[in-house]
Amino acid sequence: MSQSPAMIPRFPQVATFPLRVLPFTPLSAILSAFSRKIAQKHPGMFRRLGEYDHTRFILDPTDLPFVICLDPNGGNPRVTVTRGRGDGAARIAGPLAALLGLVHGAYDGDALFFSRDLVIEGDTAAALALRNAVDDAELDFAQELSDLSGPLAHSMQRVLALIERRTGVNLSRPEEAELW
């Protein structure tokens, strides 16, 4: 069963201070490279976007001082991290943990929307297409990061599992046994 929206962890405000002053160019480059690796591994996700495969999406983790602009670019994605609201056809906003939980299937998008923990603005059909594409891909960011870690994959899995346990933020897909 998906977690209750009332249990969504929030990023600590004190930890956001460095993010208010650091440049986002390196983070944008890292997220773009990570997105391209995911696109290579899950090409169907971008085909599933259909007519929205060149639509710019704004992912707004409301507990962080930036937004993530995702341009699927026909399967060769670009990610830009910026301050402000960003410019895109659809904006999906909510706490970082909720956005990650949606990707991993830990939270129900409808429940988040109706509890107002998730806000969707702009082209809702595009946002729905993105949600369906991500759902179908069954992404697991922890596994994707571990796969990119080469010989350090096992250590990376352990570190990410520790972070997940300590923060309550879903960095991986819940085990099927936990869902039933």
N, C-alpha and C. Protein backbone atom coordinates (compact mmCIF):
# COMPACT_ATOMS: atom_id res chain seq x y z
N MET A 1 0.85 -1.17 0.00
CA MET A 1 0.00 0.00 0.00
C MET A 1 0.90 1.24 0.00
N SER A 2 0.54 2.26 -0.73
CA SER A 2 1.30 3.51 -0.76
C SER A 2 1.21 4.20 0.58
N GLN A 3 2.26 4.97 0.88
CA GLN A 3 2.28 5.71 2.14
C GLN A 3 1.26 6.83 2.13
N SER A 4 0.85 7.22 3.32
CA SER A 4 -0.08 8.34 3.47
C SER A 4 0.64 9.65 3.18
N PRO A 5 -0.01 10.57 2.45
CA PRO A 5 0.62 11.86 2.19
C PRO A 5 1.00 12.61 3.47
N ALA A 6 0.30 12.37 4.58
CA ALA A 6 0.61 13.07 5.82
C ALA A 6 2.01 12.72 6.34
N MET A 7 2.57 11.63 5.85
CA MET A 7 3.87 11.17 6.33
C MET A 7 5.03 11.63 5.45
N ILE A 8 4.81 12.55 4.55
CA ILE A 8 5.84 12.97 3.60
C ILE A 8 6.92 13.77 4.33
N PRO A 9 8.16 13.28 4.29
CA PRO A 9 9.25 14.05 4.92
C PRO A 9 9.51 15.35 4.16
N ARG A 10 9.95 16.35 4.87
CA ARG A 10 10.32 17.63 4.27
C ARG A 10 11.83 17.81 4.40
N PHE A 11 12.44 18.42 3.37
CA PHE A 11 13.86 18.71 3.40
C PHE A 11 14.10 19.77 4.48
N PRO A 12 15.05 19.54 5.38
CA PRO A 12 15.27 20.52 6.47
C PRO A 12 15.69 21.89 5.92
N GLN A 13 15.03 22.92 6.39
CA GLN A 13 15.32 24.28 5.92
C GLN A 13 16.78 24.67 6.12
N VAL A 14 17.36 24.28 7.23
CA VAL A 14 18.76 24.65 7.49
C VAL A 14 19.69 24.05 6.43
N ALA A 15 19.33 22.91 5.90
CA ALA A 15 20.17 22.26 4.90
C ALA A 15 20.04 22.91 3.51
N THR A 16 19.05 23.78 3.34
CA THR A 16 18.88 24.42 2.03
C THR A 16 19.78 25.64 1.85
N PHE A 17 20.40 26.11 2.93
CA PHE A 17 21.21 27.34 2.81
C PHE A 17 22.28 27.23 1.74
N PRO A 18 23.10 26.16 1.72
CA PRO A 18 24.12 26.10 0.66
C PRO A 18 23.50 26.10 -0.75
N LEU A 19 22.31 25.56 -0.88
CA LEU A 19 21.65 25.51 -2.18
C LEU A 19 21.17 26.87 -2.63
N ARG A 20 21.08 27.81 -1.70
CA ARG A 20 20.65 29.16 -2.05
C ARG A 20 21.77 29.99 -2.68
N VAL A 21 23.03 29.56 -2.47
CA VAL A 21 24.15 30.36 -2.96
C VAL A 21 25.03 29.65 -3.98
N LEU A 22 24.97 28.33 -4.04
CA LEU A 22 25.82 27.59 -4.97
C LEU A 22 25.31 27.71 -6.41
N PRO A 23 26.23 27.69 -7.38
CA PRO A 23 25.80 27.70 -8.78
C PRO A 23 25.18 26.35 -9.15
N PHE A 24 24.22 26.36 -10.05
CA PHE A 24 23.52 25.14 -10.41
C PHE A 24 24.03 24.49 -11.70
N THR A 25 25.01 25.10 -12.37
CA THR A 25 25.51 24.53 -13.61
C THR A 25 26.05 23.11 -13.43
N PRO A 26 26.86 22.83 -12.40
CA PRO A 26 27.33 21.44 -12.24
C PRO A 26 26.19 20.46 -11.97
N LEU A 27 25.22 20.85 -11.15
CA LEU A 27 24.08 19.98 -10.86
C LEU A 27 23.26 19.73 -12.13
N SER A 28 23.08 20.75 -12.94
CA SER A 28 22.35 20.61 -14.20
C SER A 28 23.06 19.61 -15.11
N ALA A 29 24.39 19.71 -15.20
CA ALA A 29 25.16 18.80 -16.05
C ALA A 29 25.07 17.36 -15.55
N ILE A 30 25.16 17.18 -14.24
CA ILE A 30 25.07 15.83 -13.65
C ILE A 30 23.69 15.24 -13.89
N LEU A 31 22.63 16.02 -13.66
CA LEU A 31 21.28 15.52 -13.85
C LEU A 31 20.97 15.26 -15.33
N SER A 32 21.53 16.06 -16.22
CA SER A 32 21.35 15.80 -17.66
C SER A 32 22.02 14.49 -18.05
N ALA A 33 23.25 14.27 -17.57
CA ALA A 33 23.95 13.02 -17.88
C ALA A 33 23.20 11.82 -17.30
N PHE A 34 22.72 11.95 -16.08
CA PHE A 34 21.95 10.88 -15.44
C PHE A 34 20.68 10.60 -16.23
N SER A 35 20.00 11.66 -16.66
CA SER A 35 18.76 11.51 -17.44
C SER A 35 19.03 10.81 -18.78
N ARG A 36 20.16 11.13 -19.41
CA ARG A 36 20.49 10.48 -20.68
C ARG A 36 20.78 9.00 -20.48
N LYS A 37 21.42 8.65 -19.36
CA LYS A 37 21.66 7.23 -19.06
C LYS A 37 20.33 6.51 -18.86
N ILE A 38 19.42 7.14 -18.16
CA ILE A 38 18.09 6.55 -17.96
C ILE A 38 17.38 6.40 -19.31
N ALA A 39 17.52 7.41 -20.18
CA ALA A 39 16.88 7.35 -21.50
C ALA A 39 17.43 6.19 -22.32
N GLN A 40 18.73 5.93 -22.21
CA GLN A 40 19.32 4.80 -22.93
C GLN A 40 18.80 3.47 -22.40
N LYS A 41 18.63 3.39 -21.09
CA LYS A 41 18.18 2.15 -20.46
C LYS A 41 16.66 1.94 -20.59
N HIS A 42 15.91 3.04 -20.65
CA HIS A 42 14.44 2.99 -20.70
C HIS A 42 13.92 3.83 -21.88
N PRO A 43 14.28 3.49 -23.12
CA PRO A 43 13.85 4.33 -24.25
C PRO A 43 12.33 4.39 -24.40
N GLY A 44 11.64 3.36 -23.97
CA GLY A 44 10.19 3.34 -24.08
C GLY A 44 9.52 4.44 -23.28
N MET A 45 10.19 4.89 -22.22
CA MET A 45 9.63 5.95 -21.39
C MET A 45 9.43 7.22 -22.22
N PHE A 46 10.38 7.52 -23.07
CA PHE A 46 10.29 8.74 -23.86
C PHE A 46 9.35 8.56 -25.05
N ARG A 47 9.29 7.35 -25.60
CA ARG A 47 8.31 7.08 -26.65
C ARG A 47 6.89 7.19 -26.09
N ARG A 48 6.72 6.80 -24.83
CA ARG A 48 5.41 6.82 -24.17
C ARG A 48 4.89 8.26 -24.01
N LEU A 49 5.80 9.23 -24.02
CA LEU A 49 5.37 10.63 -23.92
C LEU A 49 4.60 11.07 -25.16
N GLY A 50 4.77 10.35 -26.26
CA GLY A 50 4.05 10.68 -27.49
C GLY A 50 4.28 12.11 -27.93
N GLU A 51 3.20 12.84 -28.13
CA GLU A 51 3.29 14.22 -28.63
C GLU A 51 3.98 15.16 -27.64
N TYR A 52 4.20 14.71 -26.41
CA TYR A 52 4.82 15.56 -25.39
C TYR A 52 6.31 15.28 -25.24
N ASP A 53 6.91 14.58 -26.20
CA ASP A 53 8.32 14.21 -26.08
C ASP A 53 9.28 15.39 -26.26
N HIS A 54 8.74 16.55 -26.61
CA HIS A 54 9.55 17.78 -26.66
C HIS A 54 8.96 18.87 -25.77
N THR A 55 8.10 18.47 -24.86
CA THR A 55 7.45 19.42 -23.95
C THR A 55 8.34 19.64 -22.73
N ARG A 56 8.50 20.87 -22.36
CA ARG A 56 9.32 21.20 -21.19
C ARG A 56 8.47 21.12 -19.92
N PHE A 57 8.97 20.36 -18.95
CA PHE A 57 8.28 20.16 -17.68
C PHE A 57 9.06 20.85 -16.57
N ILE A 58 8.35 21.46 -15.66
CA ILE A 58 8.96 22.06 -14.48
C ILE A 58 8.62 21.18 -13.28
N LEU A 59 9.64 20.63 -12.66
CA LEU A 59 9.49 19.84 -11.45
C LEU A 59 9.95 20.73 -10.30
N ASP A 60 9.03 21.05 -9.44
CA ASP A 60 9.29 22.05 -8.39
C ASP A 60 9.25 21.40 -7.01
N PRO A 61 10.44 21.00 -6.49
CA PRO A 61 10.48 20.51 -5.12
C PRO A 61 10.30 21.71 -4.18
N THR A 62 9.12 21.86 -3.63
CA THR A 62 8.75 23.07 -2.90
C THR A 62 9.55 23.28 -1.62
N ASP A 63 10.23 22.26 -1.15
CA ASP A 63 11.05 22.43 0.06
C ASP A 63 12.51 22.70 -0.27
N LEU A 64 12.80 22.96 -1.54
CA LEU A 64 14.15 23.31 -1.98
C LEU A 64 14.10 24.65 -2.72
N PRO A 65 15.23 25.38 -2.73
CA PRO A 65 15.22 26.72 -3.34
C PRO A 65 15.52 26.72 -4.84
N PHE A 66 15.02 25.74 -5.58
CA PHE A 66 15.22 25.69 -7.01
C PHE A 66 14.13 24.86 -7.66
N VAL A 67 14.07 24.94 -8.98
CA VAL A 67 13.20 24.08 -9.77
C VAL A 67 14.05 23.31 -10.76
N ILE A 68 13.51 22.19 -11.21
CA ILE A 68 14.20 21.34 -12.19
C ILE A 68 13.41 21.43 -13.48
N CYS A 69 14.05 21.90 -14.53
CA CYS A 69 13.42 22.00 -15.84
C CYS A 69 13.85 20.78 -16.65
N LEU A 70 12.89 19.94 -17.01
CA LEU A 70 13.15 18.73 -17.77
C LEU A 70 12.64 18.90 -19.18
N ASP A 71 13.55 18.82 -20.13
CA ASP A 71 13.19 18.84 -21.55
C ASP A 71 13.50 17.45 -22.09
N PRO A 72 12.48 16.61 -22.33
CA PRO A 72 12.73 15.25 -22.81
C PRO A 72 13.47 15.21 -24.15
N ASN A 73 13.33 16.24 -24.95
CA ASN A 73 14.09 16.41 -26.17
C ASN A 73 14.08 15.16 -27.05
N GLY A 74 12.92 14.53 -27.16
CA GLY A 74 12.79 13.38 -28.04
C GLY A 74 13.63 12.18 -27.64
N GLY A 75 13.93 12.04 -26.35
CA GLY A 75 14.71 10.90 -25.87
C GLY A 75 16.16 11.23 -25.59
N ASN A 76 16.57 12.46 -25.82
CA ASN A 76 17.91 12.94 -25.48
C ASN A 76 17.74 14.08 -24.48
N PRO A 77 17.33 13.72 -23.24
CA PRO A 77 16.89 14.75 -22.28
C PRO A 77 17.97 15.73 -21.85
N ARG A 78 17.47 16.92 -21.53
CA ARG A 78 18.30 17.97 -20.93
C ARG A 78 17.62 18.40 -19.64
N VAL A 79 18.42 18.59 -18.62
CA VAL A 79 17.90 19.04 -17.33
C VAL A 79 18.63 20.32 -16.95
N THR A 80 17.85 21.30 -16.53
CA THR A 80 18.41 22.57 -16.08
C THR A 80 17.84 22.85 -14.70
N VAL A 81 18.72 23.13 -13.76
CA VAL A 81 18.30 23.51 -12.41
C VAL A 81 18.42 25.03 -12.33
N THR A 82 17.37 25.67 -11.84
CA THR A 82 17.36 27.13 -11.82
C THR A 82 16.58 27.64 -10.62
N ARG A 83 16.83 28.88 -10.27
CA ARG A 83 16.05 29.54 -9.23
C ARG A 83 14.78 30.12 -9.86
N GLY A 84 13.79 30.37 -9.07
CA GLY A 84 12.55 30.92 -9.60
C GLY A 84 11.58 29.82 -9.98
N ARG A 85 10.62 30.16 -10.82
CA ARG A 85 9.57 29.20 -11.20
C ARG A 85 9.90 28.40 -12.44
N GLY A 86 10.83 28.84 -13.24
CA GLY A 86 11.14 28.15 -14.48
C GLY A 86 10.06 28.39 -15.52
N ASP A 87 10.33 27.96 -16.74
CA ASP A 87 9.41 28.17 -17.84
C ASP A 87 9.15 26.84 -18.53
N GLY A 88 7.92 26.37 -18.46
CA GLY A 88 7.57 25.10 -19.09
C GLY A 88 6.08 25.01 -19.32
N ALA A 89 5.68 23.99 -20.06
CA ALA A 89 4.26 23.81 -20.38
C ALA A 89 3.48 23.27 -19.19
N ALA A 90 4.16 22.49 -18.34
CA ALA A 90 3.49 21.90 -17.18
C ALA A 90 4.42 22.02 -15.97
N ARG A 91 3.82 22.32 -14.83
CA ARG A 91 4.57 22.43 -13.57
C ARG A 91 3.97 21.44 -12.59
N ILE A 92 4.86 20.62 -12.01
CA ILE A 92 4.46 19.65 -11.00
C ILE A 92 5.24 20.01 -9.74
N ALA A 93 4.52 20.40 -8.69
CA ALA A 93 5.15 20.92 -7.49
C ALA A 93 4.73 20.13 -6.26
N GLY A 94 5.68 19.92 -5.37
CA GLY A 94 5.43 19.25 -4.11
C GLY A 94 6.76 19.02 -3.42
N PRO A 95 6.74 18.56 -2.19
CA PRO A 95 8.00 18.29 -1.50
C PRO A 95 8.86 17.29 -2.28
N LEU A 96 10.16 17.42 -2.18
CA LEU A 96 11.08 16.52 -2.90
C LEU A 96 10.74 15.06 -2.63
N ALA A 97 10.47 14.71 -1.38
CA ALA A 97 10.16 13.32 -1.05
C ALA A 97 8.91 12.84 -1.77
N ALA A 98 7.93 13.71 -1.95
CA ALA A 98 6.71 13.33 -2.67
C ALA A 98 7.01 13.10 -4.15
N LEU A 99 7.80 13.98 -4.75
CA LEU A 99 8.14 13.83 -6.16
C LEU A 99 8.93 12.54 -6.39
N LEU A 100 9.90 12.25 -5.51
CA LEU A 100 10.65 11.00 -5.64
C LEU A 100 9.77 9.80 -5.37
N GLY A 101 8.88 9.93 -4.39
CA GLY A 101 7.96 8.84 -4.07
C GLY A 101 7.02 8.52 -5.22
N LEU A 102 6.63 9.54 -5.98
CA LEU A 102 5.81 9.31 -7.17
C LEU A 102 6.57 8.49 -8.20
N VAL A 103 7.83 8.85 -8.42
CA VAL A 103 8.66 8.13 -9.39
C VAL A 103 8.77 6.66 -9.01
N HIS A 104 8.92 6.39 -7.73
CA HIS A 104 9.16 5.03 -7.26
C HIS A 104 7.89 4.27 -6.92
N GLY A 105 6.74 4.89 -7.08
CA GLY A 105 5.49 4.20 -6.80
C GLY A 105 5.18 4.07 -5.32
N ALA A 106 5.86 4.84 -4.48
CA ALA A 106 5.63 4.77 -3.04
C ALA A 106 4.43 5.62 -2.62
N TYR A 107 4.10 6.63 -3.43
CA TYR A 107 2.95 7.48 -3.15
C TYR A 107 1.98 7.43 -4.31
N ASP A 108 0.73 7.55 -4.02
CA ASP A 108 -0.31 7.60 -5.02
C ASP A 108 -0.48 9.05 -5.48
N GLY A 109 -0.30 9.28 -6.76
CA GLY A 109 -0.40 10.64 -7.28
C GLY A 109 -1.75 11.29 -7.06
N ASP A 110 -2.82 10.51 -7.19
CA ASP A 110 -4.16 11.07 -6.97
C ASP A 110 -4.33 11.50 -5.51
N ALA A 111 -3.86 10.67 -4.58
CA ALA A 111 -3.97 11.02 -3.15
C ALA A 111 -3.16 12.28 -2.84
N LEU A 112 -1.97 12.38 -3.42
CA LEU A 112 -1.15 13.58 -3.21
C LEU A 112 -1.84 14.82 -3.78
N PHE A 113 -2.45 14.67 -4.94
CA PHE A 113 -3.13 15.79 -5.58
C PHE A 113 -4.32 16.25 -4.73
N PHE A 114 -5.15 15.30 -4.32
CA PHE A 114 -6.36 15.67 -3.57
C PHE A 114 -6.05 16.14 -2.15
N SER A 115 -4.89 15.74 -1.60
CA SER A 115 -4.49 16.24 -0.28
C SER A 115 -3.75 17.59 -0.41
N ARG A 116 -3.55 18.03 -1.63
CA ARG A 116 -2.86 19.28 -1.96
C ARG A 116 -1.38 19.24 -1.61
N ASP A 117 -0.83 18.05 -1.48
CA ASP A 117 0.62 17.91 -1.32
C ASP A 117 1.31 17.99 -2.67
N LEU A 118 0.54 17.86 -3.74
CA LEU A 118 1.05 17.92 -5.10
C LEU A 118 0.20 18.91 -5.87
N VAL A 119 0.83 19.82 -6.59
CA VAL A 119 0.12 20.82 -7.38
C VAL A 119 0.55 20.64 -8.84
N ILE A 120 -0.43 20.62 -9.71
CA ILE A 120 -0.15 20.53 -11.14
C ILE A 120 -0.74 21.76 -11.80
N GLU A 121 0.10 22.45 -12.57
CA GLU A 121 -0.32 23.67 -13.26
C GLU A 121 0.05 23.56 -14.73
N GLY A 122 -0.67 24.29 -15.55
CA GLY A 122 -0.37 24.32 -16.98
C GLY A 122 -1.04 23.17 -17.72
N ASP A 123 -0.33 22.58 -18.64
CA ASP A 123 -0.86 21.52 -19.50
C ASP A 123 -0.98 20.22 -18.71
N THR A 124 -2.16 19.96 -18.19
CA THR A 124 -2.36 18.76 -17.36
C THR A 124 -2.27 17.48 -18.19
N ALA A 125 -2.60 17.54 -19.46
CA ALA A 125 -2.45 16.35 -20.31
C ALA A 125 -0.97 15.99 -20.44
N ALA A 126 -0.10 16.99 -20.56
CA ALA A 126 1.34 16.73 -20.62
C ALA A 126 1.82 16.14 -19.30
N ALA A 127 1.35 16.69 -18.18
CA ALA A 127 1.75 16.17 -16.86
C ALA A 127 1.30 14.72 -16.70
N LEU A 128 0.10 14.40 -17.16
CA LEU A 128 -0.40 13.03 -17.09
C LEU A 128 0.42 12.10 -17.98
N ALA A 129 0.80 12.57 -19.16
CA ALA A 129 1.65 11.77 -20.05
C ALA A 129 2.99 11.47 -19.38
N LEU A 130 3.55 12.47 -18.70
CA LEU A 130 4.82 12.25 -17.99
C LEU A 130 4.63 11.24 -16.87
N ARG A 131 3.56 11.40 -16.10
CA ARG A 131 3.29 10.46 -15.01
C ARG A 131 3.16 9.03 -15.53
N ASN A 132 2.39 8.85 -16.61
CA ASN A 132 2.21 7.51 -17.17
C ASN A 132 3.51 6.93 -17.70
N ALA A 133 4.32 7.77 -18.35
CA ALA A 133 5.60 7.30 -18.89
C ALA A 133 6.53 6.85 -17.76
N VAL A 134 6.58 7.62 -16.69
CA VAL A 134 7.44 7.28 -15.56
C VAL A 134 6.91 6.04 -14.85
N ASP A 135 5.60 5.95 -14.67
CA ASP A 135 5.00 4.77 -14.05
C ASP A 135 5.34 3.50 -14.83
N ASP A 136 5.20 3.56 -16.15
CA ASP A 136 5.46 2.39 -16.98
C ASP A 136 6.92 1.97 -16.95
N ALA A 137 7.82 2.93 -16.81
CA ALA A 137 9.26 2.61 -16.80
C ALA A 137 9.70 1.94 -15.50
N GLU A 138 8.89 2.10 -14.43
CA GLU A 138 9.23 1.54 -13.12
C GLU A 138 10.67 1.88 -12.72
N LEU A 139 10.97 3.17 -12.76
CA LEU A 139 12.31 3.64 -12.43
C LEU A 139 12.66 3.37 -10.98
N ASP A 140 13.92 3.16 -10.74
CA ASP A 140 14.47 2.98 -9.40
C ASP A 140 15.78 3.76 -9.38
N PHE A 141 15.73 5.00 -8.86
CA PHE A 141 16.91 5.86 -8.90
C PHE A 141 18.10 5.25 -8.15
N ALA A 142 17.86 4.58 -7.04
CA ALA A 142 18.96 3.96 -6.30
C ALA A 142 19.64 2.91 -7.16
N GLN A 143 18.86 2.11 -7.86
CA GLN A 143 19.45 1.08 -8.73
C GLN A 143 20.19 1.73 -9.89
N GLU A 144 19.59 2.77 -10.47
CA GLU A 144 20.24 3.47 -11.59
C GLU A 144 21.59 4.05 -11.16
N LEU A 145 21.62 4.69 -9.98
CA LEU A 145 22.88 5.25 -9.47
C LEU A 145 23.89 4.15 -9.17
N SER A 146 23.43 3.06 -8.60
CA SER A 146 24.33 1.94 -8.31
C SER A 146 24.92 1.38 -9.60
N ASP A 147 24.08 1.24 -10.62
CA ASP A 147 24.56 0.72 -11.90
C ASP A 147 25.65 1.61 -12.49
N LEU A 148 25.55 2.91 -12.27
CA LEU A 148 26.55 3.85 -12.79
C LEU A 148 27.83 3.87 -11.96
N SER A 149 27.79 3.22 -10.79
CA SER A 149 28.92 3.29 -9.85
C SER A 149 29.99 2.25 -10.11
N GLY A 150 29.80 1.40 -11.09
CA GLY A 150 30.80 0.40 -11.44
C GLY A 150 31.18 -0.48 -10.26
N PRO A 151 32.48 -0.55 -9.95
CA PRO A 151 32.93 -1.42 -8.86
C PRO A 151 32.45 -0.95 -7.47
N LEU A 152 31.94 0.24 -7.38
CA LEU A 152 31.45 0.75 -6.10
C LEU A 152 29.94 0.57 -5.95
N ALA A 153 29.34 -0.21 -6.84
CA ALA A 153 27.88 -0.36 -6.85
C ALA A 153 27.34 -0.87 -5.52
N HIS A 154 27.98 -1.88 -4.95
CA HIS A 154 27.49 -2.43 -3.69
C HIS A 154 27.56 -1.39 -2.57
N SER A 155 28.65 -0.66 -2.52
CA SER A 155 28.80 0.40 -1.51
C SER A 155 27.76 1.49 -1.73
N MET A 156 27.53 1.84 -2.98
CA MET A 156 26.53 2.87 -3.30
C MET A 156 25.15 2.41 -2.84
N GLN A 157 24.81 1.15 -3.07
CA GLN A 157 23.51 0.63 -2.64
C GLN A 157 23.36 0.74 -1.13
N ARG A 158 24.41 0.43 -0.40
CA ARG A 158 24.36 0.49 1.06
C ARG A 158 24.19 1.93 1.54
N VAL A 159 24.93 2.86 0.94
CA VAL A 159 24.83 4.27 1.33
C VAL A 159 23.43 4.81 1.03
N LEU A 160 22.90 4.49 -0.15
CA LEU A 160 21.57 4.97 -0.50
C LEU A 160 20.49 4.36 0.39
N ALA A 161 20.65 3.09 0.75
CA ALA A 161 19.69 2.45 1.66
C ALA A 161 19.74 3.12 3.04
N LEU A 162 20.94 3.47 3.50
CA LEU A 162 21.08 4.16 4.79
C LEU A 162 20.40 5.53 4.73
N ILE A 163 20.64 6.28 3.66
CA ILE A 163 20.01 7.59 3.49
C ILE A 163 18.49 7.44 3.48
N GLU A 164 18.00 6.44 2.78
CA GLU A 164 16.57 6.20 2.70
C GLU A 164 15.98 5.91 4.09
N ARG A 165 16.67 5.06 4.85
CA ARG A 165 16.17 4.72 6.20
C ARG A 165 16.20 5.93 7.13
N ARG A 166 17.25 6.72 7.05
CA ARG A 166 17.40 7.87 7.97
C ARG A 166 16.47 9.02 7.64
N THR A 167 16.18 9.22 6.36
CA THR A 167 15.38 10.38 5.96
C THR A 167 13.91 10.05 5.71
N GLY A 168 13.62 8.79 5.43
CA GLY A 168 12.25 8.43 5.07
C GLY A 168 11.90 8.76 3.63
N VAL A 169 12.89 9.20 2.85
CA VAL A 169 12.68 9.55 1.45
C VAL A 169 12.91 8.30 0.60
N ASN A 170 11.96 8.00 -0.27
CA ASN A 170 12.07 6.82 -1.13
C ASN A 170 13.02 7.08 -2.28
N LEU A 171 14.19 6.44 -2.22
CA LEU A 171 15.17 6.55 -3.28
C LEU A 171 15.14 5.32 -4.18
N SER A 172 14.28 4.36 -3.84
CA SER A 172 14.14 3.14 -4.63
C SER A 172 12.69 2.70 -4.61
N ARG A 173 12.38 1.76 -5.46
CA ARG A 173 11.01 1.23 -5.52
C ARG A 173 10.77 0.35 -4.31
N PRO A 174 9.61 0.46 -3.69
CA PRO A 174 9.29 -0.43 -2.56
C PRO A 174 9.24 -1.87 -3.05
N GLU A 175 9.64 -2.79 -2.19
CA GLU A 175 9.57 -4.20 -2.52
C GLU A 175 8.11 -4.58 -2.68
N GLU A 176 7.84 -5.48 -3.61
CA GLU A 176 6.46 -5.92 -3.86
C GLU A 176 5.83 -6.45 -2.57
N ALA A 177 6.61 -7.16 -1.75
CA ALA A 177 6.07 -7.73 -0.52
C ALA A 177 5.56 -6.63 0.41
N GLU A 178 6.21 -5.46 0.38
CA GLU A 178 5.79 -4.36 1.22
C GLU A 178 4.49 -3.73 0.72
N LEU A 179 4.23 -3.84 -0.56
CA LEU A 179 3.05 -3.20 -1.14
C LEU A 179 1.78 -3.99 -0.86
N TRP A 180 1.90 -5.25 -0.58
CA TRP A 180 0.72 -6.08 -0.35
C TRP A 180 0.70 -6.49 1.05
